[in-house]
Structures are given as structure tokens and as C-alpha cells.
Amino acid sequence: FIAFPSDEGLLLIHQTRAHKRILFEYFSSLIINNKGQSQQLLFPKILSFNSSDIKLIMDLNDILSSVGFYFDKIDDERISITGIPPECKEENLQFVIEHLIEQHKNNEQLQTTQNNGLAISLALSLAISKQKKLSTEEMLALKTELEKCNTPSICPLGKATMVNLRTT
């Protein structure tokens, strides 16, 4: 948790949940407005999946490109990633795509919309960890970005992002 003084006492912010909320709203906006940026890879990254997952990835091509993923199908078990969102790191790309696939499968069972599911999945995959030690500037930036969110008090999974401890 990150602690900040508030008018009522002490504001505690769960850094991972807060970052998930920020990312969720960011990716939701990109999907709705189709304005995702892409960082082109110098060398395409080849990823392997089973054939049903490759089919699912290809079915999600339009929505994935709306947030900055660009790829080509090589064969029934491999894709070549040529562009990724700037928030994504090339070294954890396999994990992110696998997470997107699993989330999409779960969202179909829960009947969550495809756009909402992708935004949730990206937020969960790319959020900072609980163990990451943030600098003072990063803490303040996280608090500022969280305050800009439409729903700052809960993460995309419905858990509290912050608690205000009141002093009486």
C-alpha cells in the first residue's frame, strides 16, 4: 500500500489494484476509440500456440490491433508478432498473449463483452506487481492517474483500490 495524508486522515492506495484500474480505463478507451499505438519490433517475435488458440488469436485480430498488437499467422501453431502496445514488454509477450487467450475463454463463459474482457486481461497482465518499490514521483503519478479514473475506488475485478482511514 501507498499512504497519503488526506483531509479526513490517511489514504491507503493498493498500488497493483490502482494500476489495474488505470490500465483498464486506458485500454477501454483505446478499444472504443480505436486509437491504440503500436511499437514496431525490430525483429518479429515468433510465438507458438495450439491450433485452436491460433484460430482464436486470428478471430481477435481487429480488437487486438485496436490496442497496438500486430501479427501474422505463420502456420496452424505459430504467429509472428510485429508490433506491440508501448505498455507491453517484448520479454513477457508470450505470457501476455497466453493470458489474453485464457481471459477471453473465461469471459465467454461469464458472457463478458469482448472489448471489456480484453481491457481487463491487458490490465491484469501489465499492472505493476505488489513487490515493486515505487519512487516518490511514481507514487504521486499513480495517485494522480487514479484520481482521473471514472471509477477510481475499485479495480476491474471489483476489489478496493483505496481505503480512507479516518482519524476521529
N, C-alpha and C. Protein backbone atom coordinates (compact mmCIF):
# COMPACT_ATOMS: atom_id res chain seq x y z
N PHE A 1 0.84 -1.20 0.00
CA PHE A 1 0.00 0.00 0.00
C PHE A 1 0.87 1.25 0.00
N ILE A 2 0.34 2.30 -0.57
CA ILE A 2 0.99 3.60 -0.57
C ILE A 2 0.12 4.49 0.32
N ALA A 3 0.74 5.23 1.22
CA ALA A 3 -0.02 6.07 2.15
C ALA A 3 0.15 7.55 1.80
N PHE A 4 -0.99 8.26 1.86
CA PHE A 4 -1.01 9.71 1.62
C PHE A 4 -1.87 10.36 2.70
N PRO A 5 -1.46 11.50 3.20
CA PRO A 5 -2.35 12.21 4.13
C PRO A 5 -3.56 12.74 3.36
N SER A 6 -4.71 12.73 4.02
CA SER A 6 -5.92 13.27 3.40
C SER A 6 -6.61 14.18 4.41
N ASP A 7 -7.63 14.89 3.95
CA ASP A 7 -8.37 15.80 4.84
C ASP A 7 -9.01 15.05 6.00
N GLU A 8 -9.36 13.79 5.77
CA GLU A 8 -10.06 13.02 6.78
C GLU A 8 -9.14 12.13 7.60
N GLY A 9 -7.88 11.97 7.19
CA GLY A 9 -6.98 11.09 7.92
C GLY A 9 -5.86 10.60 7.03
N LEU A 10 -5.92 9.31 6.67
CA LEU A 10 -4.87 8.70 5.88
C LEU A 10 -5.47 7.90 4.74
N LEU A 11 -5.01 8.16 3.53
CA LEU A 11 -5.48 7.46 2.35
C LEU A 11 -4.47 6.38 2.00
N LEU A 12 -4.93 5.11 1.96
CA LEU A 12 -4.08 3.99 1.58
C LEU A 12 -4.49 3.52 0.19
N ILE A 13 -3.52 3.45 -0.71
CA ILE A 13 -3.78 3.02 -2.08
C ILE A 13 -3.02 1.72 -2.33
N HIS A 14 -3.75 0.71 -2.80
CA HIS A 14 -3.14 -0.56 -3.19
C HIS A 14 -2.55 -0.35 -4.58
N GLN A 15 -1.23 -0.34 -4.67
CA GLN A 15 -0.58 0.07 -5.93
C GLN A 15 -0.92 -0.83 -7.11
N THR A 16 -1.01 -2.12 -6.91
CA THR A 16 -1.31 -3.02 -8.03
C THR A 16 -2.75 -2.85 -8.51
N ARG A 17 -3.69 -2.83 -7.56
CA ARG A 17 -5.09 -2.66 -7.95
C ARG A 17 -5.33 -1.31 -8.60
N ALA A 18 -4.67 -0.28 -8.08
CA ALA A 18 -4.82 1.06 -8.66
C ALA A 18 -4.29 1.07 -10.09
N HIS A 19 -3.15 0.43 -10.30
CA HIS A 19 -2.58 0.40 -11.64
C HIS A 19 -3.47 -0.40 -12.59
N LYS A 20 -4.08 -1.47 -12.09
CA LYS A 20 -5.02 -2.24 -12.91
C LYS A 20 -6.20 -1.37 -13.35
N ARG A 21 -6.73 -0.55 -12.43
CA ARG A 21 -7.85 0.34 -12.76
C ARG A 21 -7.44 1.34 -13.83
N ILE A 22 -6.25 1.93 -13.65
CA ILE A 22 -5.75 2.92 -14.61
C ILE A 22 -5.59 2.29 -15.99
N LEU A 23 -4.95 1.13 -16.03
CA LEU A 23 -4.74 0.45 -17.30
C LEU A 23 -6.05 0.00 -17.94
N PHE A 24 -6.97 -0.49 -17.12
CA PHE A 24 -8.27 -0.92 -17.64
C PHE A 24 -8.99 0.23 -18.34
N GLU A 25 -9.05 1.37 -17.71
CA GLU A 25 -9.73 2.51 -18.32
C GLU A 25 -8.97 3.01 -19.55
N TYR A 26 -7.65 2.96 -19.49
CA TYR A 26 -6.83 3.37 -20.63
C TYR A 26 -7.10 2.46 -21.84
N PHE A 27 -7.02 1.15 -21.64
CA PHE A 27 -7.23 0.21 -22.74
C PHE A 27 -8.68 0.22 -23.21
N SER A 28 -9.62 0.40 -22.30
CA SER A 28 -11.03 0.50 -22.70
C SER A 28 -11.22 1.68 -23.65
N SER A 29 -10.60 2.80 -23.34
CA SER A 29 -10.69 3.99 -24.18
C SER A 29 -10.06 3.74 -25.55
N LEU A 30 -8.89 3.08 -25.57
CA LEU A 30 -8.24 2.78 -26.85
C LEU A 30 -9.12 1.91 -27.73
N ILE A 31 -9.74 0.91 -27.11
CA ILE A 31 -10.58 -0.02 -27.87
C ILE A 31 -11.80 0.71 -28.44
N ILE A 32 -12.45 1.50 -27.60
CA ILE A 32 -13.65 2.22 -28.04
C ILE A 32 -13.32 3.19 -29.17
N ASN A 33 -12.20 3.91 -29.01
CA ASN A 33 -11.84 4.93 -29.99
C ASN A 33 -10.93 4.42 -31.10
N ASN A 34 -10.49 3.15 -30.99
CA ASN A 34 -9.62 2.53 -31.97
C ASN A 34 -8.38 3.39 -32.22
N LYS A 35 -7.73 3.82 -31.13
CA LYS A 35 -6.59 4.72 -31.25
C LYS A 35 -5.34 4.18 -30.59
N GLY A 36 -5.20 2.85 -30.56
CA GLY A 36 -4.02 2.26 -29.94
C GLY A 36 -2.76 2.54 -30.72
N GLN A 37 -1.69 2.75 -30.00
CA GLN A 37 -0.40 2.95 -30.64
C GLN A 37 0.33 1.62 -30.64
N SER A 38 1.24 1.46 -31.57
CA SER A 38 2.00 0.23 -31.68
C SER A 38 3.47 0.55 -31.79
N GLN A 39 4.25 -0.22 -31.06
CA GLN A 39 5.70 -0.11 -31.14
C GLN A 39 6.15 -1.25 -32.06
N GLN A 40 6.68 -0.90 -33.21
CA GLN A 40 7.09 -1.93 -34.17
C GLN A 40 8.37 -2.60 -33.66
N LEU A 41 8.41 -3.92 -33.74
CA LEU A 41 9.56 -4.68 -33.29
C LEU A 41 10.61 -4.71 -34.38
N LEU A 42 11.87 -4.58 -34.00
CA LEU A 42 12.97 -4.63 -34.95
C LEU A 42 13.03 -6.00 -35.61
N PHE A 43 12.85 -7.04 -34.80
CA PHE A 43 12.80 -8.41 -35.29
C PHE A 43 11.48 -9.02 -34.83
N PRO A 44 10.69 -9.53 -35.75
CA PRO A 44 9.41 -10.14 -35.35
C PRO A 44 9.63 -11.24 -34.30
N LYS A 45 8.71 -11.34 -33.39
CA LYS A 45 8.77 -12.35 -32.33
C LYS A 45 7.85 -13.50 -32.74
N ILE A 46 8.39 -14.70 -32.81
CA ILE A 46 7.62 -15.88 -33.18
C ILE A 46 7.12 -16.55 -31.90
N LEU A 47 5.80 -16.74 -31.81
CA LEU A 47 5.20 -17.39 -30.66
C LEU A 47 4.44 -18.62 -31.11
N SER A 48 4.49 -19.65 -30.27
CA SER A 48 3.81 -20.91 -30.59
C SER A 48 2.63 -21.13 -29.66
N PHE A 49 1.54 -21.61 -30.24
CA PHE A 49 0.31 -21.93 -29.52
C PHE A 49 -0.30 -23.16 -30.17
N ASN A 50 -1.33 -23.73 -29.53
CA ASN A 50 -2.03 -24.82 -30.21
C ASN A 50 -2.93 -24.23 -31.28
N SER A 51 -3.41 -25.07 -32.19
CA SER A 51 -4.15 -24.58 -33.35
C SER A 51 -5.44 -23.86 -32.97
N SER A 52 -6.13 -24.30 -31.91
CA SER A 52 -7.38 -23.62 -31.52
C SER A 52 -7.09 -22.22 -30.97
N ASP A 53 -5.96 -22.08 -30.26
CA ASP A 53 -5.58 -20.75 -29.76
C ASP A 53 -5.16 -19.83 -30.90
N ILE A 54 -4.50 -20.39 -31.92
CA ILE A 54 -4.13 -19.58 -33.09
C ILE A 54 -5.40 -19.08 -33.78
N LYS A 55 -6.39 -19.94 -33.92
CA LYS A 55 -7.65 -19.54 -34.53
C LYS A 55 -8.30 -18.42 -33.72
N LEU A 56 -8.30 -18.54 -32.39
CA LEU A 56 -8.87 -17.51 -31.53
C LEU A 56 -8.12 -16.19 -31.69
N ILE A 57 -6.80 -16.24 -31.72
CA ILE A 57 -6.00 -15.03 -31.90
C ILE A 57 -6.36 -14.37 -33.23
N MET A 58 -6.50 -15.16 -34.26
CA MET A 58 -6.85 -14.61 -35.58
C MET A 58 -8.26 -14.01 -35.56
N ASP A 59 -9.17 -14.64 -34.82
CA ASP A 59 -10.53 -14.10 -34.70
C ASP A 59 -10.53 -12.76 -33.95
N LEU A 60 -9.56 -12.58 -33.06
CA LEU A 60 -9.46 -11.35 -32.27
C LEU A 60 -8.57 -10.30 -32.92
N ASN A 61 -8.14 -10.53 -34.15
CA ASN A 61 -7.20 -9.65 -34.83
C ASN A 61 -7.62 -8.18 -34.79
N ASP A 62 -8.86 -7.87 -35.13
CA ASP A 62 -9.30 -6.47 -35.18
C ASP A 62 -9.20 -5.79 -33.83
N ILE A 63 -9.68 -6.47 -32.80
CA ILE A 63 -9.66 -5.85 -31.47
C ILE A 63 -8.24 -5.76 -30.92
N LEU A 64 -7.40 -6.76 -31.21
CA LEU A 64 -6.01 -6.70 -30.75
C LEU A 64 -5.25 -5.58 -31.45
N SER A 65 -5.53 -5.36 -32.74
CA SER A 65 -4.85 -4.27 -33.43
C SER A 65 -5.32 -2.91 -32.92
N SER A 66 -6.54 -2.85 -32.36
CA SER A 66 -7.03 -1.57 -31.83
C SER A 66 -6.24 -1.11 -30.61
N VAL A 67 -5.53 -2.03 -29.94
CA VAL A 67 -4.70 -1.63 -28.80
C VAL A 67 -3.21 -1.67 -29.12
N GLY A 68 -2.85 -2.06 -30.36
CA GLY A 68 -1.45 -1.97 -30.77
C GLY A 68 -0.75 -3.28 -31.09
N PHE A 69 -1.46 -4.42 -31.02
CA PHE A 69 -0.84 -5.70 -31.39
C PHE A 69 -0.97 -5.92 -32.89
N TYR A 70 0.14 -6.21 -33.53
CA TYR A 70 0.13 -6.55 -34.95
C TYR A 70 0.86 -7.86 -35.14
N PHE A 71 0.24 -8.78 -35.87
CA PHE A 71 0.82 -10.10 -36.04
C PHE A 71 0.33 -10.72 -37.34
N ASP A 72 1.05 -11.75 -37.75
CA ASP A 72 0.70 -12.53 -38.93
C ASP A 72 0.72 -14.00 -38.54
N LYS A 73 -0.16 -14.75 -39.16
CA LYS A 73 -0.19 -16.19 -38.94
C LYS A 73 0.89 -16.82 -39.81
N ILE A 74 1.74 -17.63 -39.19
CA ILE A 74 2.77 -18.34 -39.95
C ILE A 74 2.21 -19.69 -40.40
N ASP A 75 1.66 -20.43 -39.44
CA ASP A 75 1.02 -21.71 -39.74
C ASP A 75 -0.01 -21.98 -38.64
N ASP A 76 -0.49 -23.21 -38.53
CA ASP A 76 -1.55 -23.51 -37.56
C ASP A 76 -1.09 -23.48 -36.10
N GLU A 77 0.22 -23.31 -35.86
CA GLU A 77 0.69 -23.32 -34.49
C GLU A 77 1.64 -22.16 -34.16
N ARG A 78 1.84 -21.23 -35.09
CA ARG A 78 2.76 -20.13 -34.83
C ARG A 78 2.25 -18.82 -35.43
N ILE A 79 2.54 -17.75 -34.69
CA ILE A 79 2.28 -16.41 -35.21
C ILE A 79 3.56 -15.59 -35.10
N SER A 80 3.63 -14.58 -35.91
CA SER A 80 4.76 -13.65 -35.90
C SER A 80 4.23 -12.30 -35.43
N ILE A 81 4.70 -11.85 -34.28
CA ILE A 81 4.29 -10.55 -33.73
C ILE A 81 5.23 -9.49 -34.29
N THR A 82 4.66 -8.46 -34.91
CA THR A 82 5.48 -7.40 -35.50
C THR A 82 5.32 -6.06 -34.79
N GLY A 83 4.25 -5.92 -33.99
CA GLY A 83 4.01 -4.68 -33.26
C GLY A 83 3.30 -4.97 -31.95
N ILE A 84 3.64 -4.22 -30.91
CA ILE A 84 3.04 -4.40 -29.59
C ILE A 84 2.69 -3.03 -28.99
N PRO A 85 1.74 -2.99 -28.06
CA PRO A 85 1.45 -1.71 -27.39
C PRO A 85 2.70 -1.25 -26.62
N PRO A 86 2.92 0.05 -26.52
CA PRO A 86 4.11 0.56 -25.81
C PRO A 86 4.17 0.10 -24.36
N GLU A 87 3.02 -0.21 -23.74
CA GLU A 87 2.99 -0.63 -22.34
C GLU A 87 3.45 -2.07 -22.15
N CYS A 88 3.54 -2.81 -23.24
CA CYS A 88 3.90 -4.23 -23.20
C CYS A 88 5.40 -4.38 -23.43
N LYS A 89 6.01 -5.32 -22.71
CA LYS A 89 7.43 -5.58 -22.89
C LYS A 89 7.59 -6.83 -23.75
N GLU A 90 8.54 -6.78 -24.64
CA GLU A 90 8.75 -7.90 -25.56
C GLU A 90 9.07 -9.20 -24.81
N GLU A 91 9.80 -9.11 -23.69
CA GLU A 91 10.20 -10.32 -22.98
C GLU A 91 9.04 -11.05 -22.30
N ASN A 92 7.93 -10.37 -22.02
CA ASN A 92 6.80 -11.09 -21.40
C ASN A 92 5.63 -11.24 -22.38
N LEU A 93 5.92 -11.17 -23.65
CA LEU A 93 4.90 -11.23 -24.69
C LEU A 93 4.14 -12.56 -24.71
N GLN A 94 4.85 -13.67 -24.56
CA GLN A 94 4.20 -14.98 -24.54
C GLN A 94 3.19 -15.04 -23.40
N PHE A 95 3.59 -14.58 -22.21
CA PHE A 95 2.69 -14.57 -21.05
C PHE A 95 1.47 -13.70 -21.32
N VAL A 96 1.67 -12.52 -21.87
CA VAL A 96 0.56 -11.59 -22.12
C VAL A 96 -0.45 -12.20 -23.09
N ILE A 97 0.04 -12.77 -24.19
CA ILE A 97 -0.86 -13.36 -25.19
C ILE A 97 -1.58 -14.58 -24.60
N GLU A 98 -0.84 -15.43 -23.86
CA GLU A 98 -1.49 -16.59 -23.22
C GLU A 98 -2.58 -16.12 -22.25
N HIS A 99 -2.28 -15.07 -21.51
CA HIS A 99 -3.26 -14.52 -20.55
C HIS A 99 -4.48 -13.98 -21.29
N LEU A 100 -4.26 -13.30 -22.41
CA LEU A 100 -5.38 -12.79 -23.21
C LEU A 100 -6.27 -13.93 -23.69
N ILE A 101 -5.64 -15.00 -24.13
CA ILE A 101 -6.40 -16.16 -24.62
C ILE A 101 -7.24 -16.76 -23.49
N GLU A 102 -6.61 -16.99 -22.35
CA GLU A 102 -7.33 -17.60 -21.21
C GLU A 102 -8.44 -16.68 -20.71
N GLN A 103 -8.16 -15.40 -20.63
CA GLN A 103 -9.19 -14.45 -20.19
C GLN A 103 -10.36 -14.45 -21.16
N HIS A 104 -10.05 -14.50 -22.45
CA HIS A 104 -11.13 -14.50 -23.45
C HIS A 104 -12.01 -15.73 -23.28
N LYS A 105 -11.37 -16.88 -23.07
CA LYS A 105 -12.14 -18.12 -22.85
C LYS A 105 -13.01 -17.99 -21.60
N ASN A 106 -12.45 -17.44 -20.53
CA ASN A 106 -13.22 -17.24 -19.28
C ASN A 106 -14.33 -16.23 -19.48
N ASN A 107 -14.05 -15.17 -20.22
CA ASN A 107 -15.06 -14.13 -20.46
C ASN A 107 -16.22 -14.66 -21.27
N GLU A 108 -15.94 -15.59 -22.19
CA GLU A 108 -17.04 -16.20 -22.95
C GLU A 108 -17.97 -16.96 -22.02
N GLN A 109 -17.38 -17.65 -21.02
CA GLN A 109 -18.19 -18.39 -20.06
C GLN A 109 -18.99 -17.44 -19.18
N LEU A 110 -18.39 -16.29 -18.85
CA LEU A 110 -19.06 -15.31 -17.99
C LEU A 110 -19.93 -14.35 -18.81
N GLN A 111 -19.87 -14.45 -20.13
CA GLN A 111 -20.59 -13.59 -21.05
C GLN A 111 -20.21 -12.12 -20.90
N THR A 112 -18.94 -11.88 -20.64
CA THR A 112 -18.40 -10.52 -20.61
C THR A 112 -18.15 -10.10 -22.05
N THR A 113 -18.33 -8.84 -22.35
CA THR A 113 -18.11 -8.39 -23.72
C THR A 113 -16.65 -8.58 -24.10
N GLN A 114 -16.42 -8.77 -25.38
CA GLN A 114 -15.07 -8.99 -25.89
C GLN A 114 -14.17 -7.81 -25.58
N ASN A 115 -14.67 -6.59 -25.79
CA ASN A 115 -13.87 -5.39 -25.52
C ASN A 115 -13.51 -5.28 -24.05
N ASN A 116 -14.49 -5.47 -23.18
CA ASN A 116 -14.27 -5.39 -21.75
C ASN A 116 -13.28 -6.46 -21.31
N GLY A 117 -13.44 -7.65 -21.83
CA GLY A 117 -12.54 -8.75 -21.47
C GLY A 117 -11.11 -8.49 -21.87
N LEU A 118 -10.89 -7.93 -23.05
CA LEU A 118 -9.54 -7.62 -23.49
C LEU A 118 -8.93 -6.54 -22.60
N ALA A 119 -9.69 -5.51 -22.29
CA ALA A 119 -9.18 -4.43 -21.43
C ALA A 119 -8.81 -4.97 -20.05
N ILE A 120 -9.66 -5.84 -19.50
CA ILE A 120 -9.36 -6.45 -18.19
C ILE A 120 -8.09 -7.29 -18.28
N SER A 121 -8.01 -8.11 -19.29
CA SER A 121 -6.86 -9.00 -19.45
C SER A 121 -5.56 -8.23 -19.58
N LEU A 122 -5.56 -7.19 -20.39
CA LEU A 122 -4.35 -6.36 -20.53
C LEU A 122 -3.99 -5.68 -19.22
N ALA A 123 -4.99 -5.18 -18.51
CA ALA A 123 -4.73 -4.53 -17.22
C ALA A 123 -4.12 -5.51 -16.23
N LEU A 124 -4.66 -6.71 -16.17
CA LEU A 124 -4.14 -7.71 -15.24
C LEU A 124 -2.74 -8.15 -15.62
N SER A 125 -2.48 -8.29 -16.91
CA SER A 125 -1.18 -8.76 -17.38
C SER A 125 -0.07 -7.73 -17.23
N LEU A 126 -0.41 -6.46 -17.37
CA LEU A 126 0.61 -5.42 -17.45
C LEU A 126 0.76 -4.57 -16.18
N ALA A 127 -0.09 -4.79 -15.19
CA ALA A 127 -0.02 -3.97 -13.97
C ALA A 127 1.26 -4.25 -13.18
N ILE A 128 1.71 -3.23 -12.49
CA ILE A 128 2.90 -3.37 -11.66
C ILE A 128 2.61 -4.37 -10.53
N SER A 129 3.64 -5.02 -10.06
CA SER A 129 3.45 -6.03 -9.01
C SER A 129 3.41 -5.37 -7.62
N LYS A 130 2.91 -6.13 -6.67
CA LYS A 130 2.85 -5.65 -5.28
C LYS A 130 4.25 -5.43 -4.73
N GLN A 131 5.21 -6.20 -5.22
CA GLN A 131 6.59 -6.14 -4.70
C GLN A 131 7.40 -4.98 -5.26
N LYS A 132 6.95 -4.35 -6.33
CA LYS A 132 7.72 -3.27 -6.94
C LYS A 132 7.75 -2.06 -6.01
N LYS A 133 8.95 -1.63 -5.72
CA LYS A 133 9.12 -0.44 -4.89
C LYS A 133 9.08 0.78 -5.80
N LEU A 134 8.10 1.63 -5.55
CA LEU A 134 7.93 2.82 -6.37
C LEU A 134 8.68 4.01 -5.77
N SER A 135 9.17 4.87 -6.65
CA SER A 135 9.79 6.12 -6.19
C SER A 135 8.67 7.07 -5.75
N THR A 136 9.01 8.13 -5.08
CA THR A 136 8.03 9.12 -4.66
C THR A 136 7.28 9.69 -5.86
N GLU A 137 8.01 9.97 -6.94
CA GLU A 137 7.38 10.50 -8.15
C GLU A 137 6.39 9.50 -8.74
N GLU A 138 6.76 8.22 -8.75
CA GLU A 138 5.87 7.19 -9.28
C GLU A 138 4.60 7.05 -8.42
N MET A 139 4.78 7.16 -7.11
CA MET A 139 3.62 7.08 -6.20
C MET A 139 2.66 8.23 -6.46
N LEU A 140 3.20 9.43 -6.58
CA LEU A 140 2.36 10.60 -6.84
C LEU A 140 1.68 10.50 -8.21
N ALA A 141 2.40 10.01 -9.21
CA ALA A 141 1.82 9.84 -10.55
C ALA A 141 0.70 8.81 -10.51
N LEU A 142 0.89 7.73 -9.78
CA LEU A 142 -0.14 6.70 -9.66
C LEU A 142 -1.39 7.28 -9.01
N LYS A 143 -1.22 8.04 -7.94
CA LYS A 143 -2.35 8.66 -7.25
C LYS A 143 -3.07 9.64 -8.19
N THR A 144 -2.32 10.45 -8.91
CA THR A 144 -2.90 11.43 -9.83
C THR A 144 -3.69 10.74 -10.94
N GLU A 145 -3.11 9.68 -11.53
CA GLU A 145 -3.79 8.96 -12.60
C GLU A 145 -5.03 8.23 -12.08
N LEU A 146 -4.95 7.70 -10.88
CA LEU A 146 -6.11 7.02 -10.29
C LEU A 146 -7.25 8.01 -10.08
N GLU A 147 -6.93 9.20 -9.62
CA GLU A 147 -7.96 10.23 -9.39
C GLU A 147 -8.66 10.64 -10.68
N LYS A 148 -8.00 10.47 -11.83
CA LYS A 148 -8.59 10.82 -13.13
C LYS A 148 -9.56 9.75 -13.62
N CYS A 149 -9.52 8.56 -13.04
CA CYS A 149 -10.36 7.45 -13.50
C CYS A 149 -11.84 7.71 -13.23
N ASN A 150 -12.69 7.12 -14.07
CA ASN A 150 -14.13 7.23 -13.87
C ASN A 150 -14.59 6.50 -12.62
N THR A 151 -13.96 5.39 -12.32
CA THR A 151 -14.29 4.60 -11.14
C THR A 151 -13.00 4.31 -10.38
N PRO A 152 -12.48 5.29 -9.65
CA PRO A 152 -11.16 5.11 -9.04
C PRO A 152 -11.13 4.19 -7.82
N SER A 153 -12.25 3.91 -7.22
CA SER A 153 -12.24 3.18 -5.95
C SER A 153 -12.18 1.67 -6.06
N ILE A 154 -12.38 1.12 -7.27
CA ILE A 154 -12.31 -0.34 -7.42
C ILE A 154 -11.51 -0.72 -8.66
N CYS A 155 -10.83 -1.86 -8.56
CA CYS A 155 -10.10 -2.38 -9.72
C CYS A 155 -11.08 -3.06 -10.66
N PRO A 156 -10.66 -3.47 -11.84
CA PRO A 156 -11.60 -4.10 -12.79
C PRO A 156 -12.25 -5.38 -12.28
N LEU A 157 -11.66 -6.00 -11.26
CA LEU A 157 -12.22 -7.22 -10.69
C LEU A 157 -13.11 -6.95 -9.48
N GLY A 158 -13.33 -5.67 -9.18
CA GLY A 158 -14.26 -5.30 -8.11
C GLY A 158 -13.66 -5.16 -6.73
N LYS A 159 -12.34 -5.24 -6.61
CA LYS A 159 -11.68 -5.09 -5.31
C LYS A 159 -11.31 -3.63 -5.09
N ALA A 160 -11.28 -3.23 -3.82
CA ALA A 160 -10.98 -1.83 -3.47
C ALA A 160 -9.56 -1.46 -3.87
N THR A 161 -9.42 -0.28 -4.47
CA THR A 161 -8.10 0.23 -4.82
C THR A 161 -7.54 1.12 -3.72
N MET A 162 -8.45 1.64 -2.90
CA MET A 162 -8.00 2.55 -1.83
C MET A 162 -8.94 2.49 -0.64
N VAL A 163 -8.37 2.86 0.50
CA VAL A 163 -9.13 2.92 1.75
C VAL A 163 -8.76 4.22 2.43
N ASN A 164 -9.77 4.93 2.91
CA ASN A 164 -9.52 6.17 3.64
C ASN A 164 -9.69 5.88 5.12
N LEU A 165 -8.58 5.93 5.87
CA LEU A 165 -8.64 5.73 7.32
C LEU A 165 -8.88 7.09 7.96
N ARG A 166 -10.01 7.19 8.63
CA ARG A 166 -10.39 8.47 9.24
C ARG A 166 -9.87 8.54 10.67
N THR A 167 -9.37 9.71 11.00
CA THR A 167 -8.97 9.95 12.38
C THR A 167 -10.09 10.75 13.04
N THR A 168 -10.51 10.29 14.19
CA THR A 168 -11.60 11.00 14.88
C THR A 168 -11.16 11.45 16.25
